[in-house]
Amino acid sequence: MSAPLFLVERLPAGSSFTLDGPEGHHAATVQRLRVGEVLILADGRGGTTYGEVVAVGRGSVDVAVGERGYEPAPDPRLVVVQGIAKGDRGELAVQAMTETGVDEIVPWAASRSVAQWRGDRGFKARDKWAATAREAAKQARRSWLPLVAGDPDCSTKQVAARLGEAAAAFVLHEEATERLTTVALPDAGEIVLVVGPEGGISDAEVAAFREAGALPVRLGSAVLRTSTAGVAALSVLSARLNRW
């Protein structure tokens, strides 16, 4: 099994480091790391440091700092506009998309979204998505932490503006004739993909996204749930972009 990864605000500059706080508690108490085991420290911005546990305390581990590395940010960058879903569907989507390699997730208040993020509830829900992405990135040993957009419920107008600025923009739609497996992809920039909520994307929304320059695409004949459609699409893109 590969070494566990823990996120830190700043990578250690010296030859030793104490991992404490929530991450230290997780390392010492939850994962029960022992002296001699190897771990990875990551700043979520591409930087990593390998280390060996030299002592375990109550809620902390002391680490002998080893090899340092840096992974450049992925390019093209994969952005998913995810329609806000009810229950835990949204969190399931965020978790799986993070493990699959998404670089940014934008919560979208689609016209057919059953759940509504308003006021404090919206920010709490957005923060829950961010926490889910953080934990999934650790599980997947990702050196780059995916961004969850700051606005908790982007409007269709805001999404259309984002699509208009992208190097390539696609809308997953069951009635599309173009396939994501064959459409042209850019060599650099942002690839933005729109995934609708449980009720799908309305005709007016599809029209607005088309006007902004997005191309409706499909994956196959099956209609996927909102919690799995983005994962399937990211898998296609990751393979086509040689990330996988």
C-alpha atoms as a PDB file:
ATOM      1  CA  MET A   1       0.000   0.000   0.000  1.00  0.00           C
ATOM      2  CA  SER A   2       1.280   3.486  -0.848  1.00  0.00           C
ATOM      3  CA  ALA A   3       2.255   5.893   1.913  1.00  0.00           C
ATOM      4  CA  PRO A   4      -0.627   7.923   3.420  1.00  0.00           C
ATOM      5  CA  LEU A   5      -0.849  11.589   2.510  1.00  0.00           C
ATOM      6  CA  PHE A   6      -1.466  14.448   4.948  1.00  0.00           C
ATOM      7  CA  LEU A   7      -2.195  18.046   3.993  1.00  0.00           C
ATOM      8  CA  VAL A   8      -0.233  20.886   5.572  1.00  0.00           C
ATOM      9  CA  GLU A   9      -0.405  24.625   5.009  1.00  0.00           C
ATOM     10  CA  ARG A  10       3.345  24.837   4.372  1.00  0.00           C
ATOM     11  CA  LEU A  11       5.876  22.142   3.645  1.00  0.00           C
ATOM     12  CA  PRO A  12       8.726  21.844   6.162  1.00  0.00           C
ATOM     13  CA  ALA A  13      11.894  23.730   5.291  1.00  0.00           C
ATOM     14  CA  GLY A  14      14.206  21.876   7.683  1.00  0.00           C
ATOM     15  CA  SER A  15      15.170  18.266   8.261  1.00  0.00           C
ATOM     16  CA  SER A  16      12.517  17.580  10.906  1.00  0.00           C
ATOM     17  CA  PHE A  17       8.825  18.353  11.305  1.00  0.00           C
ATOM     18  CA  THR A  18       6.031  17.765  13.810  1.00  0.00           C
ATOM     19  CA  LEU A  19       2.666  16.965  12.283  1.00  0.00           C
ATOM     20  CA  ASP A  20       0.005  18.044  14.774  1.00  0.00           C
ATOM     21  CA  GLY A  21      -3.501  19.489  14.771  1.00  0.00           C
ATOM     22  CA  PRO A  22      -6.275  17.548  12.989  1.00  0.00           C
ATOM     23  CA  GLU A  23      -3.819  15.926  10.576  1.00  0.00           C
ATOM     24  CA  GLY A  24      -1.503  14.900  13.394  1.00  0.00           C
ATOM     25  CA  HIS A  25      -4.447  13.420  15.281  1.00  0.00           C
ATOM     26  CA  HIS A  26      -5.475  11.477  12.209  1.00  0.00           C
ATOM     27  CA  ALA A  27      -1.927  10.160  11.699  1.00  0.00           C
ATOM     28  CA  ALA A  28      -1.293   9.193  15.323  1.00  0.00           C
ATOM     29  CA  THR A  29      -4.736   8.182  16.593  1.00  0.00           C
ATOM     30  CA  VAL A  30      -6.809   7.155  13.577  1.00  0.00           C
ATOM     31  CA  GLN A  31      -4.228   5.627  11.245  1.00  0.00           C
ATOM     32  CA  ARG A  32      -1.959   4.676  14.161  1.00  0.00           C
ATOM     33  CA  LEU A  33       1.282   5.259  12.320  1.00  0.00           C
ATOM     34  CA  ARG A  34       4.344   3.735  13.934  1.00  0.00           C
ATOM     35  CA  VAL A  35       8.032   4.630  14.080  1.00  0.00           C
ATOM     36  CA  GLY A  36       9.714   3.750  10.809  1.00  0.00           C
ATOM     37  CA  GLU A  37       6.625   4.154   8.621  1.00  0.00           C
ATOM     38  CA  VAL A  38       6.690   6.509   5.640  1.00  0.00           C
ATOM     39  CA  LEU A  39       4.189   9.280   4.976  1.00  0.00           C
ATOM     40  CA  ILE A  40       3.699  12.063   2.462  1.00  0.00           C
ATOM     41  CA  LEU A  41       3.191  15.711   3.355  1.00  0.00           C
ATOM     42  CA  ALA A  42       1.466  17.827   0.683  1.00  0.00           C
ATOM     43  CA  ASP A  43       0.546  21.501   0.522  1.00  0.00           C
ATOM     44  CA  GLY A  44      -2.329  20.948  -1.928  1.00  0.00           C
ATOM     45  CA  ARG A  45      -0.572  23.161  -4.478  1.00  0.00           C
ATOM     46  CA  GLY A  46       1.702  20.583  -6.085  1.00  0.00           C
ATOM     47  CA  GLY A  47       4.412  20.399  -3.436  1.00  0.00           C
ATOM     48  CA  THR A  48       5.155  17.122  -1.632  1.00  0.00           C
ATOM     49  CA  THR A  49       7.638  15.873   0.928  1.00  0.00           C
ATOM     50  CA  TYR A  50       8.284  12.285   1.930  1.00  0.00           C
ATOM     51  CA  GLY A  51       9.064  11.652   5.561  1.00  0.00           C
ATOM     52  CA  GLU A  52       9.730   8.858   8.041  1.00  0.00           C
ATOM     53  CA  VAL A  53       7.999   8.751  11.409  1.00  0.00           C
ATOM     54  CA  VAL A  54      10.599   8.961  14.188  1.00  0.00           C
ATOM     55  CA  ALA A  55       8.276   9.436  17.174  1.00  0.00           C
ATOM     56  CA  VAL A  56       4.556   9.238  17.915  1.00  0.00           C
ATOM     57  CA  GLY A  57       2.924  11.444  20.536  1.00  0.00           C
ATOM     58  CA  ARG A  58      -0.615  12.042  21.697  1.00  0.00           C
ATOM     59  CA  GLY A  59      -2.212  13.509  18.593  1.00  0.00           C
ATOM     60  CA  SER A  60       1.065  14.197  16.768  1.00  0.00           C
ATOM     61  CA  VAL A  61       3.933  12.516  14.947  1.00  0.00           C
ATOM     62  CA  ASP A  62       7.535  13.648  14.555  1.00  0.00           C
ATOM     63  CA  VAL A  63       8.881  13.241  11.057  1.00  0.00           C
ATOM     64  CA  ALA A  64      12.371  13.058   9.578  1.00  0.00           C
ATOM     65  CA  VAL A  65      12.048  14.993   6.331  1.00  0.00           C
ATOM     66  CA  GLY A  66      13.211  13.250   3.173  1.00  0.00           C
ATOM     67  CA  GLU A  67      12.764  13.719  -0.550  1.00  0.00           C
ATOM     68  CA  ARG A  68      10.923  16.798  -1.769  1.00  0.00           C
ATOM     69  CA  GLY A  69       9.030  17.077  -5.023  1.00  0.00           C
ATOM     70  CA  TYR A  70       6.734  19.273  -7.064  1.00  0.00           C
ATOM     71  CA  GLU A  71       4.075  18.318  -9.611  1.00  0.00           C
ATOM     72  CA  PRO A  72       3.056  21.060 -12.085  1.00  0.00           C
ATOM     73  CA  ALA A  73      -0.608  21.979 -12.246  1.00  0.00           C
ATOM     74  CA  PRO A  74      -2.522  19.867 -14.790  1.00  0.00           C
ATOM     75  CA  ASP A  75      -3.059  21.461 -18.186  1.00  0.00           C
ATOM     76  CA  PRO A  76      -5.647  21.347 -19.671  1.00  0.00           C
ATOM     77  CA  ARG A  77      -7.536  21.990 -16.446  1.00  0.00           C
ATOM     78  CA  LEU A  78     -10.735  19.999 -15.863  1.00  0.00           C
ATOM     79  CA  VAL A  79     -13.651  21.972 -14.396  1.00  0.00           C
ATOM     80  CA  VAL A  80     -17.048  20.424 -13.642  1.00  0.00           C
ATOM     81  CA  VAL A  81     -20.149  22.560 -13.139  1.00  0.00           C
ATOM     82  CA  GLN A  82     -22.234  20.267 -10.938  1.00  0.00           C
ATOM     83  CA  GLY A  83     -25.955  20.815 -10.597  1.00  0.00           C
ATOM     84  CA  ILE A  84     -26.859  20.946  -6.897  1.00  0.00           C
ATOM     85  CA  ALA A  85     -28.424  17.636  -5.923  1.00  0.00           C
ATOM     86  CA  LYS A  86     -30.583  16.565  -3.017  1.00  0.00           C
ATOM     87  CA  GLY A  87     -29.391  14.450  -0.099  1.00  0.00           C
ATOM     88  CA  ASP A  88     -25.889  13.077  -0.324  1.00  0.00           C
ATOM     89  CA  ARG A  89     -25.843  12.823  -4.120  1.00  0.00           C
ATOM     90  CA  GLY A  90     -23.767  15.974  -4.454  1.00  0.00           C
ATOM     91  CA  GLU A  91     -21.186  14.823  -1.927  1.00  0.00           C
ATOM     92  CA  LEU A  92     -20.942  11.433  -3.630  1.00  0.00           C
ATOM     93  CA  ALA A  93     -20.279  13.217  -6.915  1.00  0.00           C
ATOM     94  CA  VAL A  94     -17.635  15.471  -5.358  1.00  0.00           C
ATOM     95  CA  GLN A  95     -15.868  12.540  -3.729  1.00  0.00           C
ATOM     96  CA  ALA A  96     -15.726  10.420  -6.867  1.00  0.00           C
ATOM     97  CA  MET A  97     -14.837  13.316  -9.194  1.00  0.00           C
ATOM     98  CA  THR A  98     -11.954  14.286  -6.900  1.00  0.00           C
ATOM     99  CA  GLU A  99     -10.630  10.735  -6.981  1.00  0.00           C
ATOM    100  CA  THR A 100     -11.003  10.781 -10.782  1.00  0.00           C
ATOM    101  CA  GLY A 101      -8.967  13.972 -11.207  1.00  0.00           C
ATOM    102  CA  VAL A 102     -11.258  17.004 -11.320  1.00  0.00           C
ATOM    103  CA  ASP A 103      -9.416  20.309 -10.805  1.00  0.00           C
ATOM    104  CA  GLU A 104     -12.374  22.518  -9.875  1.00  0.00           C
ATOM    105  CA  ILE A 105     -16.019  21.959  -8.983  1.00  0.00           C
ATOM    106  CA  VAL A 106     -18.606  24.707  -9.426  1.00  0.00           C
ATOM    107  CA  PRO A 107     -21.945  24.234  -7.577  1.00  0.00           C
ATOM    108  CA  TRP A 108     -24.733  25.276  -9.943  1.00  0.00           C
ATOM    109  CA  ALA A 109     -28.249  26.297  -8.886  1.00  0.00           C
ATOM    110  CA  ALA A 110     -30.014  24.776 -11.878  1.00  0.00           C
ATOM    111  CA  SER A 111     -33.718  25.448 -12.470  1.00  0.00           C
ATOM    112  CA  ARG A 112     -34.500  21.781 -11.764  1.00  0.00           C
ATOM    113  CA  SER A 113     -32.306  21.463  -8.661  1.00  0.00           C
ATOM    114  CA  VAL A 114     -34.533  20.173  -5.865  1.00  0.00           C
ATOM    115  CA  ALA A 115     -32.169  21.316  -3.116  1.00  0.00           C
ATOM    116  CA  GLN A 116     -31.696  25.062  -2.764  1.00  0.00           C
ATOM    117  CA  TRP A 117     -28.604  26.625  -1.236  1.00  0.00           C
ATOM    118  CA  ARG A 118     -29.556  29.959   0.247  1.00  0.00           C
ATOM    119  CA  GLY A 119     -27.880  32.150   2.876  1.00  0.00           C
ATOM    120  CA  ASP A 120     -25.875  30.414   5.591  1.00  0.00           C
ATOM    121  CA  ARG A 121     -27.175  27.028   4.470  1.00  0.00           C
ATOM    122  CA  GLY A 122     -25.543  27.553   1.092  1.00  0.00           C
ATOM    123  CA  PHE A 123     -22.138  28.362   2.543  1.00  0.00           C
ATOM    124  CA  LYS A 124     -22.346  25.395   4.925  1.00  0.00           C
ATOM    125  CA  ALA A 125     -23.243  23.078   2.050  1.00  0.00           C
ATOM    126  CA  ARG A 126     -20.417  24.493  -0.090  1.00  0.00           C
ATOM    127  CA  ASP A 127     -17.976  24.014   2.805  1.00  0.00           C
ATOM    128  CA  LYS A 128     -19.144  20.402   3.133  1.00  0.00           C
ATOM    129  CA  TRP A 129     -18.345  19.842  -0.533  1.00  0.00           C
ATOM    130  CA  ALA A 130     -14.900  21.384   0.034  1.00  0.00           C
ATOM    131  CA  ALA A 131     -14.276  19.122   3.047  1.00  0.00           C
ATOM    132  CA  THR A 132     -15.369  16.102   1.008  1.00  0.00           C
ATOM    133  CA  ALA A 133     -12.970  17.063  -1.788  1.00  0.00           C
ATOM    134  CA  ARG A 134     -10.143  17.504   0.722  1.00  0.00           C
ATOM    135  CA  GLU A 135     -10.600  14.033   2.224  1.00  0.00           C
ATOM    136  CA  ALA A 136     -10.969  12.417  -1.202  1.00  0.00           C
ATOM    137  CA  ALA A 137      -7.792  14.127  -2.424  1.00  0.00           C
ATOM    138  CA  LYS A 138      -5.903  12.680   0.546  1.00  0.00           C
ATOM    139  CA  GLN A 139      -7.296   9.216  -0.125  1.00  0.00           C
ATOM    140  CA  ALA A 140      -6.266   9.483  -3.781  1.00  0.00           C
ATOM    141  CA  ARG A 141      -2.769  10.803  -2.856  1.00  0.00           C
ATOM    142  CA  ARG A 142      -3.289  13.935  -4.935  1.00  0.00           C
ATOM    143  CA  SER A 143      -0.679  16.665  -4.685  1.00  0.00           C
ATOM    144  CA  TRP A 144      -3.153  19.250  -6.010  1.00  0.00           C
ATOM    145  CA  LEU A 145      -6.280  19.891  -3.951  1.00  0.00           C
ATOM    146  CA  PRO A 146      -9.336  20.527  -6.146  1.00  0.00           C
ATOM    147  CA  LEU A 147     -10.965  23.907  -5.765  1.00  0.00           C
ATOM    148  CA  VAL A 148     -14.650  24.156  -4.863  1.00  0.00           C
ATOM    149  CA  ALA A 149     -15.855  27.500  -6.213  1.00  0.00           C
ATOM    150  CA  GLY A 150     -16.404  30.248  -3.669  1.00  0.00           C
ATOM    151  CA  ASP A 151     -19.957  31.089  -4.738  1.00  0.00           C
ATOM    152  CA  PRO A 152     -22.203  28.432  -3.141  1.00  0.00           C
ATOM    153  CA  ASP A 153     -24.823  28.511  -5.888  1.00  0.00           C
ATOM    154  CA  CYS A 154     -23.695  29.896  -9.241  1.00  0.00           C
ATOM    155  CA  SER A 155     -26.553  31.029 -11.448  1.00  0.00           C
ATOM    156  CA  THR A 156     -27.073  29.878 -15.024  1.00  0.00           C
ATOM    157  CA  LYS A 157     -25.906  33.305 -16.184  1.00  0.00           C
ATOM    158  CA  GLN A 158     -22.655  32.948 -14.225  1.00  0.00           C
ATOM    159  CA  VAL A 159     -22.121  29.444 -15.583  1.00  0.00           C
ATOM    160  CA  ALA A 160     -22.671  30.668 -19.148  1.00  0.00           C
ATOM    161  CA  ALA A 161     -20.053  33.361 -18.617  1.00  0.00           C
ATOM    162  CA  ARG A 162     -17.571  30.737 -17.392  1.00  0.00           C
ATOM    163  CA  LEU A 163     -18.313  28.546 -20.408  1.00  0.00           C
ATOM    164  CA  GLY A 164     -17.683  31.468 -22.735  1.00  0.00           C
ATOM    165  CA  GLU A 165     -14.166  31.907 -21.329  1.00  0.00           C
ATOM    166  CA  ALA A 166     -13.191  28.230 -21.533  1.00  0.00           C
ATOM    167  CA  ALA A 167     -10.867  26.666 -24.100  1.00  0.00           C
ATOM    168  CA  ALA A 168     -13.586  24.039 -24.555  1.00  0.00           C
ATOM    169  CA  ALA A 169     -17.026  23.704 -22.980  1.00  0.00           C
ATOM    170  CA  PHE A 170     -19.393  20.738 -22.985  1.00  0.00           C
ATOM    171  CA  VAL A 171     -22.843  20.002 -21.609  1.00  0.00           C
ATOM    172  CA  LEU A 172     -23.773  16.404 -20.822  1.00  0.00           C
ATOM    173  CA  HIS A 173     -27.188  15.878 -22.364  1.00  0.00           C
ATOM    174  CA  GLU A 174     -29.065  12.691 -23.204  1.00  0.00           C
ATOM    175  CA  GLU A 175     -30.382  14.075 -26.508  1.00  0.00           C
ATOM    176  CA  ALA A 176     -26.993  15.200 -27.814  1.00  0.00           C
ATOM    177  CA  THR A 177     -25.631  13.595 -30.974  1.00  0.00           C
ATOM    178  CA  GLU A 178     -21.950  14.403 -30.446  1.00  0.00           C
ATOM    179  CA  ARG A 179     -19.968  11.979 -28.280  1.00  0.00           C
ATOM    180  CA  LEU A 180     -17.453  13.055 -25.657  1.00  0.00           C
ATOM    181  CA  THR A 181     -15.179  10.257 -26.840  1.00  0.00           C
ATOM    182  CA  THR A 182     -14.665  11.886 -30.249  1.00  0.00           C
ATOM    183  CA  VAL A 183     -15.037  15.681 -29.874  1.00  0.00           C
ATOM    184  CA  ALA A 184     -11.946  17.843 -30.339  1.00  0.00           C
ATOM    185  CA  LEU A 185     -10.063  18.759 -27.149  1.00  0.00           C
ATOM    186  CA  PRO A 186      -7.693  21.690 -26.610  1.00  0.00           C
ATOM    187  CA  ASP A 187      -4.022  21.249 -25.743  1.00  0.00           C
ATOM    188  CA  ALA A 188      -4.192  23.809 -22.929  1.00  0.00           C
ATOM    189  CA  GLY A 189      -6.579  25.984 -20.938  1.00  0.00           C
ATOM    190  CA  GLU A 190      -9.810  25.043 -19.211  1.00  0.00           C
ATOM    191  CA  ILE A 191     -12.169  22.294 -20.257  1.00  0.00           C
ATOM    192  CA  VAL A 192     -15.503  23.004 -18.560  1.00  0.00           C
ATOM    193  CA  LEU A 193     -18.132  20.287 -18.326  1.00  0.00           C
ATOM    194  CA  VAL A 194     -21.729  20.876 -17.177  1.00  0.00           C
ATOM    195  CA  VAL A 195     -23.584  18.118 -15.297  1.00  0.00           C
ATOM    196  CA  GLY A 196     -27.260  18.670 -14.563  1.00  0.00           C
ATOM    197  CA  PRO A 197     -29.185  17.837 -11.364  1.00  0.00           C
ATOM    198  CA  GLU A 198     -31.559  14.867 -10.925  1.00  0.00           C
ATOM    199  CA  GLY A 199     -34.246  16.501 -13.069  1.00  0.00           C
ATOM    200  CA  GLY A 200     -31.878  17.235 -15.912  1.00  0.00           C
ATOM    201  CA  ILE A 201     -31.065  20.450 -17.734  1.00  0.00           C
ATOM    202  CA  SER A 202     -33.913  22.555 -19.084  1.00  0.00           C
ATOM    203  CA  ASP A 203     -34.194  23.576 -22.741  1.00  0.00           C
ATOM    204  CA  ALA A 204     -33.637  27.208 -21.765  1.00  0.00           C
ATOM    205  CA  GLU A 205     -30.422  26.319 -19.938  1.00  0.00           C
ATOM    206  CA  VAL A 206     -29.134  24.258 -22.857  1.00  0.00           C
ATOM    207  CA  ALA A 207     -29.890  27.190 -25.175  1.00  0.00           C
ATOM    208  CA  ALA A 208     -28.036  29.624 -22.903  1.00  0.00           C
ATOM    209  CA  PHE A 209     -25.020  27.348 -22.733  1.00  0.00           C
ATOM    210  CA  ARG A 210     -25.050  26.808 -26.499  1.00  0.00           C
ATOM    211  CA  GLU A 211     -25.106  30.559 -27.016  1.00  0.00           C
ATOM    212  CA  ALA A 212     -22.071  30.839 -24.736  1.00  0.00           C
ATOM    213  CA  GLY A 213     -20.199  28.388 -26.951  1.00  0.00           C
ATOM    214  CA  ALA A 214     -20.761  25.064 -25.197  1.00  0.00           C
ATOM    215  CA  LEU A 215     -21.362  21.868 -27.138  1.00  0.00           C
ATOM    216  CA  PRO A 216     -23.934  19.315 -25.899  1.00  0.00           C
ATOM    217  CA  VAL A 217     -22.373  15.837 -25.745  1.00  0.00           C
ATOM    218  CA  ARG A 218     -23.341  12.372 -24.612  1.00  0.00           C
ATOM    219  CA  LEU A 219     -21.460   9.399 -23.193  1.00  0.00           C
ATOM    220  CA  GLY A 220     -23.634   6.568 -24.484  1.00  0.00           C
ATOM    221  CA  SER A 221     -27.213   5.365 -24.634  1.00  0.00           C
ATOM    222  CA  ALA A 222     -27.669   5.010 -20.854  1.00  0.00           C
ATOM    223  CA  VAL A 223     -28.859   7.955 -18.739  1.00  0.00           C
ATOM    224  CA  LEU A 224     -26.575   8.299 -15.727  1.00  0.00           C
ATOM    225  CA  ARG A 225     -27.381   9.727 -12.306  1.00  0.00           C
ATOM    226  CA  THR A 226     -26.072  13.183 -11.457  1.00  0.00           C
ATOM    227  CA  SER A 227     -23.692  11.567  -8.939  1.00  0.00           C
ATOM    228  CA  THR A 228     -22.063   9.347 -11.590  1.00  0.00           C
ATOM    229  CA  ALA A 229     -22.264  11.303 -14.861  1.00  0.00           C
ATOM    230  CA  GLY A 230     -19.386  13.641 -14.012  1.00  0.00           C
ATOM    231  CA  VAL A 231     -17.189  10.743 -12.914  1.00  0.00           C
ATOM    232  CA  ALA A 232     -17.804   8.883 -16.171  1.00  0.00           C
ATOM    233  CA  ALA A 233     -17.096  11.988 -18.244  1.00  0.00           C
ATOM    234  CA  LEU A 234     -13.900  12.766 -16.325  1.00  0.00           C
ATOM    235  CA  SER A 235     -12.752   9.197 -16.922  1.00  0.00           C
ATOM    236  CA  VAL A 236     -13.171   9.700 -20.664  1.00  0.00           C
ATOM    237  CA  LEU A 237     -11.321  13.017 -20.582  1.00  0.00           C
ATOM    238  CA  SER A 238      -8.521  11.706 -18.358  1.00  0.00           C
ATOM    239  CA  ALA A 239      -7.873   8.855 -20.783  1.00  0.00           C
ATOM    240  CA  ARG A 240      -8.020  11.097 -23.861  1.00  0.00           C
ATOM    241  CA  LEU A 241      -5.690  13.682 -22.297  1.00  0.00           C
ATOM    242  CA  ASN A 242      -3.189  10.971 -21.276  1.00  0.00           C
ATOM    243  CA  ARG A 243      -3.641  11.692 -17.604  1.00  0.00           C
ATOM    244  CA  TRP A 244      -4.411   7.997 -17.259  1.00  0.00           C
END
